[in-house]
Amino acid sequence: MILYAAFMETVDKEKDAEVLKEHLEYLYGLLDSGKVVAKGPFTDHSGGLIIYNASSMEEAKEWIEKDPVIRDGSRKYTLKEWKSTLEA
């Protein structure tokens, strides 16, 4: 598997707050299945970071596009392949 970092930028805070619970439930489902390995908000409240464990960029994009905060337009994202330097 390959790691992908999604930089999530909040563009509509009001809409974002409305779907936050659904967004977190979606991410916890991906976390439980091993598709997400890390996630969390930025401390300046501008968005967050999600690290996906996917077989391809296209697969990671599919998961992101299903995220409630992307579907409703409250966030936009930038996705990049990422290499962890903590691996043995």
N, C-alpha and C. Protein backbone atom coordinates (compact mmCIF):
# COMPACT_ATOMS: atom_id res chain seq x y z
N MET A 1 0.83 -1.19 0.00
CA MET A 1 0.00 0.00 0.00
C MET A 1 0.87 1.25 0.00
N ILE A 2 0.29 2.31 -0.47
CA ILE A 2 0.96 3.60 -0.58
C ILE A 2 0.21 4.59 0.31
N LEU A 3 0.94 5.51 0.92
CA LEU A 3 0.31 6.52 1.77
C LEU A 3 0.06 7.79 0.97
N TYR A 4 -1.08 8.41 1.23
CA TYR A 4 -1.47 9.66 0.59
C TYR A 4 -1.93 10.64 1.66
N ALA A 5 -1.44 11.87 1.57
CA ALA A 5 -1.80 12.91 2.53
C ALA A 5 -2.82 13.84 1.88
N ALA A 6 -3.95 13.99 2.54
CA ALA A 6 -4.99 14.90 2.07
C ALA A 6 -5.01 16.11 3.00
N PHE A 7 -4.70 17.27 2.43
CA PHE A 7 -4.76 18.53 3.15
C PHE A 7 -6.16 19.09 2.91
N MET A 8 -6.97 19.09 3.96
CA MET A 8 -8.36 19.51 3.86
C MET A 8 -8.48 20.96 4.32
N GLU A 9 -8.96 21.82 3.43
CA GLU A 9 -9.13 23.24 3.76
C GLU A 9 -10.61 23.57 3.91
N THR A 10 -10.98 24.14 5.05
CA THR A 10 -12.36 24.53 5.29
C THR A 10 -12.66 25.80 4.49
N VAL A 11 -13.71 25.75 3.68
CA VAL A 11 -14.11 26.92 2.89
C VAL A 11 -15.46 27.48 3.32
N ASP A 12 -16.23 26.70 4.07
CA ASP A 12 -17.52 27.16 4.58
C ASP A 12 -17.71 26.58 5.99
N LYS A 13 -17.38 27.38 6.99
CA LYS A 13 -17.41 26.89 8.38
C LYS A 13 -18.80 26.50 8.84
N GLU A 14 -19.81 27.22 8.39
CA GLU A 14 -21.18 26.92 8.81
C GLU A 14 -21.63 25.56 8.27
N LYS A 15 -21.42 25.32 6.97
CA LYS A 15 -21.76 24.03 6.38
C LYS A 15 -20.92 22.91 6.99
N ASP A 16 -19.65 23.22 7.26
CA ASP A 16 -18.74 22.23 7.83
C ASP A 16 -19.25 21.75 9.19
N ALA A 17 -19.71 22.69 10.01
CA ALA A 17 -20.22 22.33 11.34
C ALA A 17 -21.46 21.44 11.23
N GLU A 18 -22.27 21.65 10.20
CA GLU A 18 -23.49 20.86 10.02
C GLU A 18 -23.21 19.39 9.71
N VAL A 19 -22.09 19.11 9.04
CA VAL A 19 -21.79 17.72 8.64
C VAL A 19 -20.61 17.12 9.40
N LEU A 20 -20.14 17.81 10.43
CA LEU A 20 -18.96 17.34 11.16
C LEU A 20 -19.16 15.94 11.74
N LYS A 21 -20.32 15.68 12.35
CA LYS A 21 -20.56 14.36 12.94
C LYS A 21 -20.52 13.27 11.87
N GLU A 22 -21.17 13.52 10.75
CA GLU A 22 -21.18 12.55 9.64
C GLU A 22 -19.76 12.35 9.08
N HIS A 23 -19.00 13.43 8.98
CA HIS A 23 -17.60 13.37 8.52
C HIS A 23 -16.77 12.49 9.44
N LEU A 24 -16.90 12.70 10.75
CA LEU A 24 -16.13 11.91 11.71
C LEU A 24 -16.54 10.44 11.69
N GLU A 25 -17.82 10.17 11.58
CA GLU A 25 -18.28 8.78 11.48
C GLU A 25 -17.70 8.10 10.24
N TYR A 26 -17.68 8.83 9.14
CA TYR A 26 -17.11 8.30 7.89
C TYR A 26 -15.63 7.99 8.08
N LEU A 27 -14.88 8.92 8.68
CA LEU A 27 -13.45 8.71 8.87
C LEU A 27 -13.16 7.57 9.84
N TYR A 28 -13.95 7.45 10.90
CA TYR A 28 -13.73 6.34 11.84
C TYR A 28 -13.99 4.99 11.17
N GLY A 29 -14.93 4.94 10.24
CA GLY A 29 -15.14 3.72 9.47
C GLY A 29 -13.93 3.37 8.63
N LEU A 30 -13.33 4.39 7.99
CA LEU A 30 -12.11 4.17 7.20
C LEU A 30 -10.94 3.80 8.09
N LEU A 31 -10.88 4.40 9.26
CA LEU A 31 -9.81 4.09 10.22
C LEU A 31 -9.93 2.64 10.69
N ASP A 32 -11.12 2.22 11.02
CA ASP A 32 -11.34 0.84 11.48
C ASP A 32 -10.98 -0.19 10.42
N SER A 33 -11.14 0.17 9.15
CA SER A 33 -10.83 -0.76 8.06
C SER A 33 -9.39 -0.65 7.56
N GLY A 34 -8.60 0.24 8.17
CA GLY A 34 -7.20 0.39 7.79
C GLY A 34 -6.96 1.29 6.59
N LYS A 35 -8.00 1.94 6.10
CA LYS A 35 -7.86 2.82 4.94
C LYS A 35 -7.33 4.20 5.33
N VAL A 36 -7.54 4.59 6.58
CA VAL A 36 -6.98 5.83 7.13
C VAL A 36 -6.05 5.43 8.26
N VAL A 37 -4.85 6.01 8.26
CA VAL A 37 -3.88 5.67 9.30
C VAL A 37 -3.66 6.82 10.29
N ALA A 38 -4.05 8.02 9.92
CA ALA A 38 -3.94 9.18 10.83
C ALA A 38 -4.89 10.26 10.33
N LYS A 39 -5.37 11.05 11.28
CA LYS A 39 -6.27 12.15 10.92
C LYS A 39 -6.28 13.16 12.05
N GLY A 40 -6.62 14.38 11.73
CA GLY A 40 -6.76 15.38 12.78
C GLY A 40 -6.84 16.79 12.22
N PRO A 41 -7.39 17.70 13.03
CA PRO A 41 -7.55 19.09 12.61
C PRO A 41 -6.26 19.89 12.80
N PHE A 42 -6.15 20.97 12.04
CA PHE A 42 -5.08 21.94 12.27
C PHE A 42 -5.50 22.82 13.44
N THR A 43 -4.55 23.23 14.25
CA THR A 43 -4.87 24.01 15.46
C THR A 43 -5.40 25.41 15.14
N ASP A 44 -5.18 25.89 13.91
CA ASP A 44 -5.71 27.21 13.55
C ASP A 44 -7.13 27.13 12.98
N HIS A 45 -7.74 25.93 13.02
CA HIS A 45 -9.12 25.70 12.59
C HIS A 45 -9.35 25.94 11.09
N SER A 46 -8.28 25.85 10.30
CA SER A 46 -8.39 26.07 8.86
C SER A 46 -8.74 24.80 8.09
N GLY A 47 -8.76 23.66 8.78
CA GLY A 47 -9.03 22.39 8.12
C GLY A 47 -8.33 21.27 8.86
N GLY A 48 -7.84 20.29 8.11
CA GLY A 48 -7.17 19.18 8.75
C GLY A 48 -6.35 18.36 7.78
N LEU A 49 -5.78 17.29 8.30
CA LEU A 49 -4.93 16.39 7.53
C LEU A 49 -5.42 14.96 7.73
N ILE A 50 -5.50 14.22 6.64
CA ILE A 50 -5.87 12.81 6.69
C ILE A 50 -4.82 12.04 5.91
N ILE A 51 -4.30 10.96 6.51
CA ILE A 51 -3.35 10.10 5.82
C ILE A 51 -4.08 8.81 5.45
N TYR A 52 -4.16 8.56 4.14
CA TYR A 52 -4.83 7.37 3.61
C TYR A 52 -3.82 6.30 3.25
N ASN A 53 -4.20 5.05 3.43
CA ASN A 53 -3.41 3.89 3.05
C ASN A 53 -4.16 3.25 1.88
N ALA A 54 -3.73 3.55 0.65
CA ALA A 54 -4.47 3.12 -0.54
C ALA A 54 -3.55 2.44 -1.54
N SER A 55 -4.14 1.76 -2.50
CA SER A 55 -3.35 1.09 -3.53
C SER A 55 -2.98 2.03 -4.67
N SER A 56 -3.69 3.17 -4.77
CA SER A 56 -3.42 4.14 -5.84
C SER A 56 -3.97 5.51 -5.46
N MET A 57 -3.52 6.52 -6.19
CA MET A 57 -4.04 7.87 -6.01
C MET A 57 -5.54 7.89 -6.31
N GLU A 58 -5.95 7.16 -7.33
CA GLU A 58 -7.36 7.12 -7.72
C GLU A 58 -8.22 6.54 -6.60
N GLU A 59 -7.72 5.49 -5.94
CA GLU A 59 -8.48 4.90 -4.84
C GLU A 59 -8.63 5.89 -3.68
N ALA A 60 -7.54 6.58 -3.33
CA ALA A 60 -7.60 7.58 -2.26
C ALA A 60 -8.58 8.69 -2.63
N LYS A 61 -8.58 9.12 -3.90
CA LYS A 61 -9.51 10.17 -4.35
C LYS A 61 -10.96 9.70 -4.22
N GLU A 62 -11.21 8.43 -4.54
CA GLU A 62 -12.57 7.89 -4.40
C GLU A 62 -13.06 8.02 -2.96
N TRP A 63 -12.19 7.68 -2.01
CA TRP A 63 -12.58 7.77 -0.60
C TRP A 63 -12.81 9.22 -0.19
N ILE A 64 -11.94 10.11 -0.64
CA ILE A 64 -12.09 11.53 -0.29
C ILE A 64 -13.39 12.09 -0.86
N GLU A 65 -13.68 11.77 -2.11
CA GLU A 65 -14.88 12.30 -2.76
C GLU A 65 -16.17 11.84 -2.08
N LYS A 66 -16.12 10.75 -1.33
CA LYS A 66 -17.29 10.26 -0.59
C LYS A 66 -17.43 10.90 0.79
N ASP A 67 -16.42 11.64 1.22
CA ASP A 67 -16.44 12.28 2.54
C ASP A 67 -17.53 13.35 2.55
N PRO A 68 -18.38 13.36 3.56
CA PRO A 68 -19.46 14.34 3.63
C PRO A 68 -19.01 15.80 3.51
N VAL A 69 -17.84 16.16 4.04
CA VAL A 69 -17.40 17.55 3.96
C VAL A 69 -16.95 17.94 2.55
N ILE A 70 -16.58 16.96 1.74
CA ILE A 70 -16.24 17.22 0.34
C ILE A 70 -17.52 17.23 -0.49
N ARG A 71 -18.39 16.27 -0.24
CA ARG A 71 -19.66 16.19 -0.99
C ARG A 71 -20.49 17.46 -0.84
N ASP A 72 -20.50 18.04 0.36
CA ASP A 72 -21.34 19.23 0.56
C ASP A 72 -20.62 20.54 0.23
N GLY A 73 -19.34 20.46 -0.12
CA GLY A 73 -18.59 21.65 -0.53
C GLY A 73 -18.06 22.49 0.61
N SER A 74 -18.13 22.00 1.85
CA SER A 74 -17.64 22.81 2.97
C SER A 74 -16.11 22.77 3.08
N ARG A 75 -15.49 21.79 2.42
CA ARG A 75 -14.02 21.73 2.38
C ARG A 75 -13.56 21.38 0.97
N LYS A 76 -12.35 21.80 0.67
CA LYS A 76 -11.69 21.36 -0.55
C LYS A 76 -10.39 20.69 -0.13
N TYR A 77 -9.77 19.96 -1.02
CA TYR A 77 -8.59 19.20 -0.63
C TYR A 77 -7.48 19.24 -1.67
N THR A 78 -6.28 18.98 -1.19
CA THR A 78 -5.11 18.73 -2.02
C THR A 78 -4.58 17.37 -1.59
N LEU A 79 -4.36 16.49 -2.55
CA LEU A 79 -3.90 15.13 -2.25
C LEU A 79 -2.51 14.92 -2.83
N LYS A 80 -1.61 14.40 -1.99
CA LYS A 80 -0.24 14.13 -2.43
C LYS A 80 0.20 12.77 -1.91
N GLU A 81 0.98 12.07 -2.74
CA GLU A 81 1.59 10.83 -2.25
C GLU A 81 2.59 11.22 -1.17
N TRP A 82 2.66 10.40 -0.11
CA TRP A 82 3.47 10.75 1.06
C TRP A 82 4.29 9.55 1.49
N LYS A 83 5.52 9.80 1.87
CA LYS A 83 6.39 8.73 2.35
C LYS A 83 6.74 9.00 3.81
N SER A 84 6.39 8.08 4.66
CA SER A 84 6.73 8.20 6.07
C SER A 84 8.19 7.82 6.26
N THR A 85 8.91 8.60 7.02
CA THR A 85 10.30 8.27 7.33
C THR A 85 10.41 7.51 8.64
N LEU A 86 9.27 7.14 9.23
CA LEU A 86 9.26 6.38 10.48
C LEU A 86 9.23 4.88 10.25
N GLU A 87 9.09 4.47 9.00
CA GLU A 87 9.03 3.04 8.70
C GLU A 87 10.38 2.38 8.94
N ALA A 88 10.34 1.13 9.39
CA ALA A 88 11.57 0.38 9.66
C ALA A 88 12.20 -0.10 8.38
